[in-house]
Amino acid sequence: MTMIVVIPAYRPDARLFTLVDQLAERGLDEVLVVDDGSGPAFAPVFAAVEERGARVLRHERNRGKGAALRTAFDDVVRRRPGADVVTADADGQHLPDDVRAVADALRDGPADVVLGVRGFAGDVPLRSRVGNAVSALTFRLATGVRVGDTQTGLRGFRAGTLPRLLAVRGDRFDYEFRVLLEATRWGGPIGQVPISTVYLDRNASSHFRPLHDSASVLGPMLAFAASGLIAFTLDAVLLVALQALTGSLLAGVVGARLVSGSVNFAINRSVVFRAGRTSTVRSSAVQYAALAGLLLAASYGMLDALNGTLGVPLLVAKVVTDATLFLAAYTVQRHVVFAGPSAQTSPGRGSGTAEGAPPRTLATTM
């Protein structure tokens, strides 16, 4: 099995030399470095890396870590189909023994994706501790999958996953989070290997921008929440109006949900869960209608209990009910209704080539 280590690099220092040398000593087949537009001043650094036996690709301008990773994946798919990949950072945070451990877990284990998971106890920068805690919790709530380190750059990918990773959107740090979201749709386990926690100079060399990139990372979930808020507002207004007109709670719930559900379906299919565009409107609509029916029954039962039995004001009962059903709705829509074909089967251990994949020209060799 061929194992390639991919290292995206933006304005690296001498630590990249050390990492490349040490990886070569650990029997990995190839080191592939992507110069993400570091500029002429760093050309000698990458020339020295190439002299050490690494393959170097370059971007003419800085395009972001996600774009650099896709450049490397595209190169591997075209040049060495069937090769597995381990990604590592260029700043020295990933020790060569940990890179080897992730590679071994990918080779010997059942998972198509393996993460090198850091511990966050002890002397860890506050922004890293808080950022990972928030994203890990959000990820678990959204997917039902517990991942100890959603922000780790040390990851292993089996060859069969690479064509799908090329289709994941995002050019910067949001790309890595989107990759994890995509991996949960494949049906197989996500492997996790404990690794050393290394922060050099309080993580000063990191190009992660907490506010900007955290917003991008949480974008998919925020989009679903926004779609739900639009539907909730419409649903609540119609519920109150229809109940006042008809005097029937059931008529109000059903009528409001028919209108708000149609709006929610259109937004989720065309904006939030874009993978759903690969399935027909009819198939998605049938599944969405079935889900809506279940949620409608649950909503009516909870509203009747809260408002009719306990005397909770209708709007308050509506907020409590919809908040309770929000997570169930997100999970089923993401993994079933709008999952698209990639959710049906795991990529497996097959070749990294994709039938019908469009040609790409992403980088040139140095």
Protein backbone atom coordinates (compact mmCIF):
# COMPACT_ATOMS: atom_id res chain seq x y z
CA MET A 1 0.00 0.00 0.00
CA THR A 2 1.42 3.38 -1.04
CA MET A 3 1.27 6.09 1.63
CA ILE A 4 1.81 9.76 0.74
CA VAL A 5 2.19 12.54 3.31
CA VAL A 6 0.66 15.84 2.15
CA ILE A 7 1.90 19.08 3.73
CA PRO A 8 0.24 22.40 2.78
CA ALA A 9 2.67 25.22 3.56
CA TYR A 10 2.37 29.00 3.62
CA ARG A 11 5.56 30.93 4.39
CA PRO A 12 7.15 28.05 6.34
CA ASP A 13 10.35 28.17 8.38
CA ALA A 14 13.14 25.65 9.00
CA ARG A 15 10.79 23.34 10.89
CA LEU A 16 9.53 22.14 7.51
CA PHE A 17 13.05 20.87 6.70
CA THR A 18 13.13 18.87 9.91
CA LEU A 19 9.71 17.37 9.33
CA VAL A 20 10.51 16.28 5.77
CA ASP A 21 13.78 14.67 6.89
CA GLN A 22 12.15 12.83 9.78
CA LEU A 23 9.25 11.57 7.68
CA ALA A 24 11.70 10.10 5.18
CA GLU A 25 13.34 8.21 8.04
CA ARG A 26 10.02 6.58 8.97
CA GLY A 27 9.51 4.72 5.73
CA LEU A 28 6.66 6.73 4.22
CA ASP A 29 6.56 6.43 0.44
CA GLU A 30 6.43 10.10 -0.52
CA VAL A 31 6.21 13.59 0.95
CA LEU A 32 4.16 16.04 -1.13
CA VAL A 33 4.43 19.72 -0.18
CA VAL A 34 2.14 22.45 -1.56
CA ASP A 35 3.53 25.99 -1.58
CA ASP A 36 0.35 27.99 -1.11
CA GLY A 37 1.55 31.24 -2.68
CA SER A 38 4.31 31.96 -0.19
CA GLY A 39 6.04 34.29 -2.64
CA PRO A 40 9.56 34.62 -4.12
CA ALA A 41 11.19 35.17 -0.74
CA PHE A 42 10.35 31.59 0.24
CA ALA A 43 11.45 29.96 -3.02
CA PRO A 44 14.79 28.86 -1.46
CA VAL A 45 12.89 27.12 1.34
CA PHE A 46 10.87 25.02 -1.09
CA ALA A 47 13.92 24.39 -3.27
CA ALA A 48 15.67 22.96 -0.22
CA VAL A 49 12.63 20.83 0.57
CA GLU A 50 12.71 19.47 -2.97
CA GLU A 51 16.41 18.68 -2.62
CA ARG A 52 15.50 16.57 0.41
CA GLY A 53 13.38 14.34 -1.84
CA ALA A 54 9.93 15.88 -1.42
CA ARG A 55 7.68 16.63 -4.36
CA VAL A 56 6.65 20.30 -4.42
CA LEU A 57 3.58 21.86 -6.02
CA ARG A 58 2.90 25.57 -5.93
CA HIS A 59 0.12 28.12 -6.14
CA GLU A 60 0.95 31.44 -7.77
CA ARG A 61 -1.04 33.23 -5.05
CA ASN A 62 -2.26 32.35 -1.59
CA ARG A 63 -5.52 30.42 -1.97
CA GLY A 64 -5.97 28.88 1.46
CA LYS A 65 -5.38 25.55 3.16
CA GLY A 66 -8.44 23.89 1.66
CA ALA A 67 -7.37 24.80 -1.87
CA ALA A 68 -3.84 23.53 -1.16
CA LEU A 69 -5.18 20.19 0.08
CA ARG A 70 -7.35 19.77 -3.01
CA THR A 71 -4.35 20.53 -5.21
CA ALA A 72 -2.44 17.73 -3.51
CA PHE A 73 -5.36 15.28 -3.64
CA ASP A 74 -5.83 15.97 -7.35
CA ASP A 75 -2.13 15.31 -7.97
CA VAL A 76 -2.26 12.00 -6.08
CA VAL A 77 -5.42 10.83 -7.89
CA ARG A 78 -3.87 11.56 -11.28
CA ARG A 79 -0.30 10.48 -10.69
CA ARG A 80 -0.54 7.68 -8.11
CA PRO A 81 -4.08 6.24 -8.15
CA GLY A 82 -4.64 3.83 -5.30
CA ALA A 83 -2.33 5.68 -2.90
CA ASP A 84 -3.56 6.57 0.57
CA VAL A 85 -2.84 10.01 2.02
CA VAL A 86 -1.95 11.46 5.41
CA THR A 87 -2.12 15.24 5.80
CA ALA A 88 0.14 17.11 8.24
CA ASP A 89 0.86 20.74 9.08
CA ALA A 90 4.11 22.47 8.16
CA ASP A 91 4.65 24.28 11.48
CA GLY A 92 6.05 21.40 13.52
CA GLN A 93 2.88 20.68 15.52
CA HIS A 94 2.66 17.13 14.18
CA LEU A 95 5.46 14.85 15.30
CA PRO A 96 6.73 12.33 12.73
CA ASP A 97 5.93 9.39 15.02
CA ASP A 98 2.33 10.61 15.21
CA VAL A 99 2.17 10.91 11.42
CA ARG A 100 3.39 7.33 11.21
CA ALA A 101 0.80 6.22 13.79
CA VAL A 102 -2.06 7.72 11.75
CA ALA A 103 -0.68 6.08 8.60
CA ASP A 104 -0.53 2.70 10.36
CA ALA A 105 -4.08 3.07 11.70
CA LEU A 106 -5.33 3.87 8.20
CA ARG A 107 -3.47 0.91 6.72
CA ASP A 108 -4.49 -1.65 9.36
CA GLY A 109 -7.93 -0.45 10.47
CA PRO A 110 -11.44 -0.41 8.98
CA ALA A 111 -11.89 3.37 8.79
CA ASP A 112 -11.64 5.35 5.55
CA VAL A 113 -10.80 8.47 7.57
CA VAL A 114 -8.45 8.54 10.57
CA LEU A 115 -7.88 11.61 12.75
CA GLY A 116 -4.87 12.38 14.93
CA VAL A 117 -6.60 13.65 18.07
CA ARG A 118 -4.85 16.00 20.47
CA GLY A 119 -5.55 16.30 24.20
CA PHE A 120 -6.53 19.78 25.36
CA ALA A 121 -5.52 19.62 29.01
CA GLY A 122 -2.59 21.57 30.44
CA ASP A 123 -0.83 24.49 28.80
CA VAL A 124 -2.95 24.91 25.68
CA PRO A 125 -3.65 28.35 24.11
CA LEU A 126 -7.08 29.61 25.13
CA ARG A 127 -8.28 30.21 21.57
CA SER A 128 -7.40 26.61 20.65
CA ARG A 129 -9.07 25.15 23.74
CA VAL A 130 -12.27 27.16 23.36
CA GLY A 131 -12.40 26.89 19.57
CA ASN A 132 -12.12 23.11 19.58
CA ALA A 133 -14.60 22.68 22.42
CA VAL A 134 -17.23 24.74 20.60
CA SER A 135 -16.73 23.09 17.21
CA ALA A 136 -16.59 19.56 18.71
CA LEU A 137 -19.86 20.13 20.58
CA THR A 138 -21.55 21.64 17.55
CA PHE A 139 -20.31 18.79 15.36
CA ARG A 140 -21.68 16.18 17.74
CA LEU A 141 -25.07 17.88 18.01
CA ALA A 142 -25.31 18.17 14.23
CA THR A 143 -24.11 14.68 13.27
CA GLY A 144 -24.40 12.49 16.34
CA VAL A 145 -20.71 11.60 15.94
CA ARG A 146 -18.26 12.26 18.77
CA VAL A 147 -14.94 13.62 17.48
CA GLY A 148 -12.33 14.65 20.01
CA ASP A 149 -10.51 17.13 17.78
CA THR A 150 -12.39 18.65 14.85
CA GLN A 151 -9.58 21.10 14.06
CA THR A 152 -6.71 18.63 13.74
CA GLY A 153 -4.70 18.88 10.55
CA LEU A 154 -3.25 15.37 10.98
CA ARG A 155 -5.65 13.14 9.07
CA GLY A 156 -5.50 9.94 7.06
CA PHE A 157 -7.63 9.35 3.96
CA ARG A 158 -8.00 6.11 2.05
CA ALA A 159 -7.50 6.33 -1.72
CA GLY A 160 -11.16 5.82 -2.51
CA THR A 161 -12.16 8.97 -0.61
CA LEU A 162 -9.96 11.39 -2.57
CA PRO A 163 -12.30 12.01 -5.55
CA ARG A 164 -15.05 12.90 -3.10
CA LEU A 165 -12.76 15.20 -1.16
CA LEU A 166 -12.08 17.10 -4.38
CA ALA A 167 -15.78 17.97 -4.53
CA VAL A 168 -15.97 19.38 -1.00
CA ARG A 169 -16.38 23.17 -0.98
CA GLY A 170 -14.25 25.66 0.96
CA ASP A 171 -10.78 27.03 0.29
CA ARG A 172 -9.57 27.84 3.78
CA PHE A 173 -9.87 26.22 7.20
CA ASP A 174 -13.60 25.68 6.72
CA TYR A 175 -12.69 23.00 4.16
CA GLU A 176 -11.37 20.64 6.83
CA PHE A 177 -14.57 20.92 8.86
CA ARG A 178 -16.69 20.34 5.77
CA VAL A 179 -14.60 17.23 5.05
CA LEU A 180 -15.57 15.84 8.46
CA LEU A 181 -19.22 16.58 7.80
CA GLU A 182 -18.95 14.78 4.45
CA ALA A 183 -17.22 11.80 6.07
CA THR A 184 -20.16 11.24 8.42
CA ARG A 185 -22.37 10.67 5.36
CA TRP A 186 -20.31 7.71 4.14
CA GLY A 187 -21.62 5.35 6.77
CA GLY A 188 -18.28 3.98 8.01
CA PRO A 189 -16.43 4.78 11.23
CA ILE A 190 -14.07 7.72 11.67
CA GLY A 191 -10.88 6.43 13.28
CA GLN A 192 -9.22 8.46 16.03
CA VAL A 193 -5.62 8.09 17.19
CA PRO A 194 -4.28 9.97 20.25
CA ILE A 195 -1.32 12.21 19.36
CA SER A 196 0.97 14.62 21.17
CA THR A 197 -0.27 18.16 21.73
CA VAL A 198 2.42 20.56 20.50
CA TYR A 199 2.02 24.35 20.47
CA LEU A 200 5.17 26.22 19.51
CA ASP A 201 5.41 29.89 20.52
CA ARG A 202 1.79 29.75 21.72
CA ASN A 203 0.72 28.72 18.21
CA ALA A 204 1.97 32.03 16.77
CA SER A 205 2.72 30.49 13.36
CA SER A 206 -0.86 29.35 12.81
CA HIS A 207 -2.73 31.14 10.03
CA PHE A 208 -6.11 30.22 11.53
CA ARG A 209 -8.23 33.38 11.99
CA PRO A 210 -10.55 32.65 14.93
CA LEU A 211 -13.47 34.97 14.07
CA HIS A 212 -13.45 34.72 10.28
CA ASP A 213 -12.64 31.02 10.00
CA SER A 214 -14.88 29.96 12.90
CA ALA A 215 -17.80 31.64 11.13
CA SER A 216 -16.93 29.71 7.96
CA VAL A 217 -16.56 26.47 9.91
CA LEU A 218 -20.02 26.79 11.45
CA GLY A 219 -21.60 27.99 8.20
CA PRO A 220 -23.41 24.75 7.20
CA MET A 221 -25.12 24.48 10.57
CA LEU A 222 -25.93 28.18 10.75
CA ALA A 223 -27.51 27.96 7.30
CA PHE A 224 -29.82 25.19 8.49
CA ALA A 225 -30.68 27.19 11.60
CA ALA A 226 -31.49 30.26 9.45
CA SER A 227 -33.70 28.17 7.19
CA GLY A 228 -35.44 26.76 10.22
CA LEU A 229 -35.91 30.24 11.70
CA ILE A 230 -37.61 31.44 8.51
CA ALA A 231 -39.91 28.43 8.53
CA PHE A 232 -40.56 28.79 12.26
CA THR A 233 -41.54 32.45 11.94
CA LEU A 234 -43.89 31.72 9.06
CA ASP A 235 -45.29 28.69 10.87
CA ALA A 236 -45.92 30.59 14.11
CA VAL A 237 -47.69 33.49 12.40
CA LEU A 238 -49.90 31.16 10.37
CA LEU A 239 -50.62 28.95 13.40
CA VAL A 240 -51.98 31.85 15.44
CA ALA A 241 -53.92 33.27 12.48
CA LEU A 242 -55.48 29.96 11.40
CA GLN A 243 -56.44 28.96 14.92
CA ALA A 244 -58.11 32.35 15.41
CA LEU A 245 -60.01 31.96 12.13
CA THR A 246 -61.05 28.33 12.53
CA GLY A 247 -61.10 27.83 16.28
CA SER A 248 -59.26 24.53 15.73
CA LEU A 249 -55.72 23.84 16.92
CA LEU A 250 -55.43 20.89 14.51
CA ALA A 251 -56.41 23.03 11.51
CA GLY A 252 -53.94 25.68 12.59
CA VAL A 253 -51.05 23.24 13.00
CA VAL A 254 -51.71 21.40 9.71
CA GLY A 255 -52.32 24.49 7.59
CA ALA A 256 -49.33 26.38 8.96
CA ARG A 257 -47.04 23.38 8.54
CA LEU A 258 -48.06 22.79 4.92
CA VAL A 259 -47.04 26.32 3.95
CA SER A 260 -43.91 26.61 6.10
CA GLY A 261 -42.82 23.08 5.20
CA SER A 262 -42.96 23.83 1.48
CA VAL A 263 -40.82 26.93 1.97
CA ASN A 264 -38.37 25.04 4.21
CA PHE A 265 -38.04 22.19 1.68
CA ALA A 266 -37.20 24.59 -1.14
CA ILE A 267 -34.55 26.44 0.89
CA ASN A 268 -32.94 23.30 2.30
CA ARG A 269 -32.76 21.53 -1.04
CA SER A 270 -31.40 24.46 -3.03
CA VAL A 271 -29.17 26.14 -0.44
CA VAL A 272 -28.46 24.26 2.79
CA PHE A 273 -28.00 20.66 1.61
CA ARG A 274 -26.62 21.13 -1.88
CA ALA A 275 -25.86 17.44 -2.27
CA GLY A 276 -29.63 16.96 -2.46
CA ARG A 277 -29.57 18.47 -5.95
CA THR A 278 -28.19 15.17 -7.26
CA SER A 279 -31.44 13.41 -6.33
CA THR A 280 -34.77 14.08 -7.99
CA VAL A 281 -37.20 16.58 -6.55
CA ARG A 282 -39.80 13.82 -6.32
CA SER A 283 -37.66 11.42 -4.27
CA SER A 284 -36.52 14.17 -1.91
CA ALA A 285 -40.07 15.51 -1.62
CA VAL A 286 -41.49 12.09 -0.73
CA GLN A 287 -38.91 11.58 2.02
CA TYR A 288 -39.34 15.14 3.24
CA ALA A 289 -43.12 14.71 3.35
CA ALA A 290 -42.76 11.52 5.40
CA LEU A 291 -40.45 13.31 7.82
CA ALA A 292 -42.79 16.30 7.94
CA GLY A 293 -45.68 13.98 8.78
CA LEU A 294 -43.79 12.47 11.71
CA LEU A 295 -42.69 15.89 12.92
CA LEU A 296 -46.23 17.20 12.51
CA ALA A 297 -47.63 14.43 14.69
CA ALA A 298 -44.94 15.00 17.29
CA SER A 299 -45.48 18.75 17.15
CA TYR A 300 -49.24 18.44 17.59
CA GLY A 301 -48.84 16.03 20.49
CA MET A 302 -46.38 18.27 22.30
CA LEU A 303 -48.40 21.43 21.64
CA ASP A 304 -51.58 19.77 22.87
CA ALA A 305 -49.85 18.59 26.03
CA LEU A 306 -48.17 21.91 26.75
CA ASN A 307 -50.97 24.28 25.70
CA GLY A 308 -54.11 22.21 26.19
CA THR A 309 -53.18 20.22 29.29
CA LEU A 310 -50.59 22.34 31.10
CA GLY A 311 -51.88 25.73 30.03
CA VAL A 312 -48.59 26.98 28.58
CA PRO A 313 -49.19 29.98 26.24
CA LEU A 314 -49.36 28.83 22.63
CA LEU A 315 -46.33 30.78 21.36
CA VAL A 316 -44.20 29.64 24.30
CA ALA A 317 -45.29 26.06 23.71
CA LYS A 318 -44.44 26.49 20.02
CA VAL A 319 -40.89 27.64 20.82
CA VAL A 320 -40.29 24.73 23.20
CA THR A 321 -41.69 22.19 20.74
CA ASP A 322 -39.73 23.37 17.70
CA ALA A 323 -36.48 23.67 19.66
CA THR A 324 -36.90 20.07 20.81
CA LEU A 325 -37.54 18.79 17.28
CA PHE A 326 -34.80 20.89 15.62
CA LEU A 327 -31.95 18.40 16.05
CA ALA A 328 -34.03 15.45 14.86
CA ALA A 329 -35.07 17.38 11.76
CA TYR A 330 -31.48 18.39 10.93
CA THR A 331 -30.08 14.89 11.38
CA VAL A 332 -32.70 13.14 9.24
CA GLN A 333 -32.59 15.75 6.47
CA ARG A 334 -28.80 15.69 6.30
CA HIS A 335 -28.36 11.92 6.38
CA VAL A 336 -31.50 10.74 4.57
CA VAL A 337 -33.62 13.29 2.72
CA PHE A 338 -30.87 15.41 1.14
CA ALA A 339 -27.96 12.99 1.51
CA GLY A 340 -27.36 12.39 -2.21
CA PRO A 341 -25.69 9.27 -3.62
CA SER A 342 -22.43 9.66 -1.68
CA ALA A 343 -24.23 8.82 1.55
CA GLN A 344 -25.34 5.43 0.30
CA THR A 345 -21.99 3.64 0.24
CA SER A 346 -18.62 4.05 1.86
CA PRO A 347 -15.78 4.90 -0.54
CA GLY A 348 -13.93 1.78 0.60
CA ARG A 349 -10.42 0.70 -0.27
CA GLY A 350 -10.69 1.04 -4.01
CA SER A 351 -8.77 3.14 -6.47
CA GLY A 352 -8.56 6.86 -6.09
CA THR A 353 -9.82 7.48 -9.60
CA ALA A 354 -13.34 8.70 -10.26
CA GLU A 355 -15.28 7.76 -13.36
CA GLY A 356 -16.28 10.86 -15.25
CA ALA A 357 -14.27 13.20 -13.04
CA PRO A 358 -13.70 16.53 -14.78
CA PRO A 359 -10.14 17.47 -15.72
CA ARG A 360 -8.43 19.87 -13.35
CA THR A 361 -5.46 22.17 -13.64
CA LEU A 362 -4.74 23.28 -10.10
CA ALA A 363 -1.01 23.64 -9.74
CA THR A 364 2.36 23.35 -11.40
CA THR A 365 5.46 21.60 -10.14
CA MET A 366 8.47 23.60 -9.14
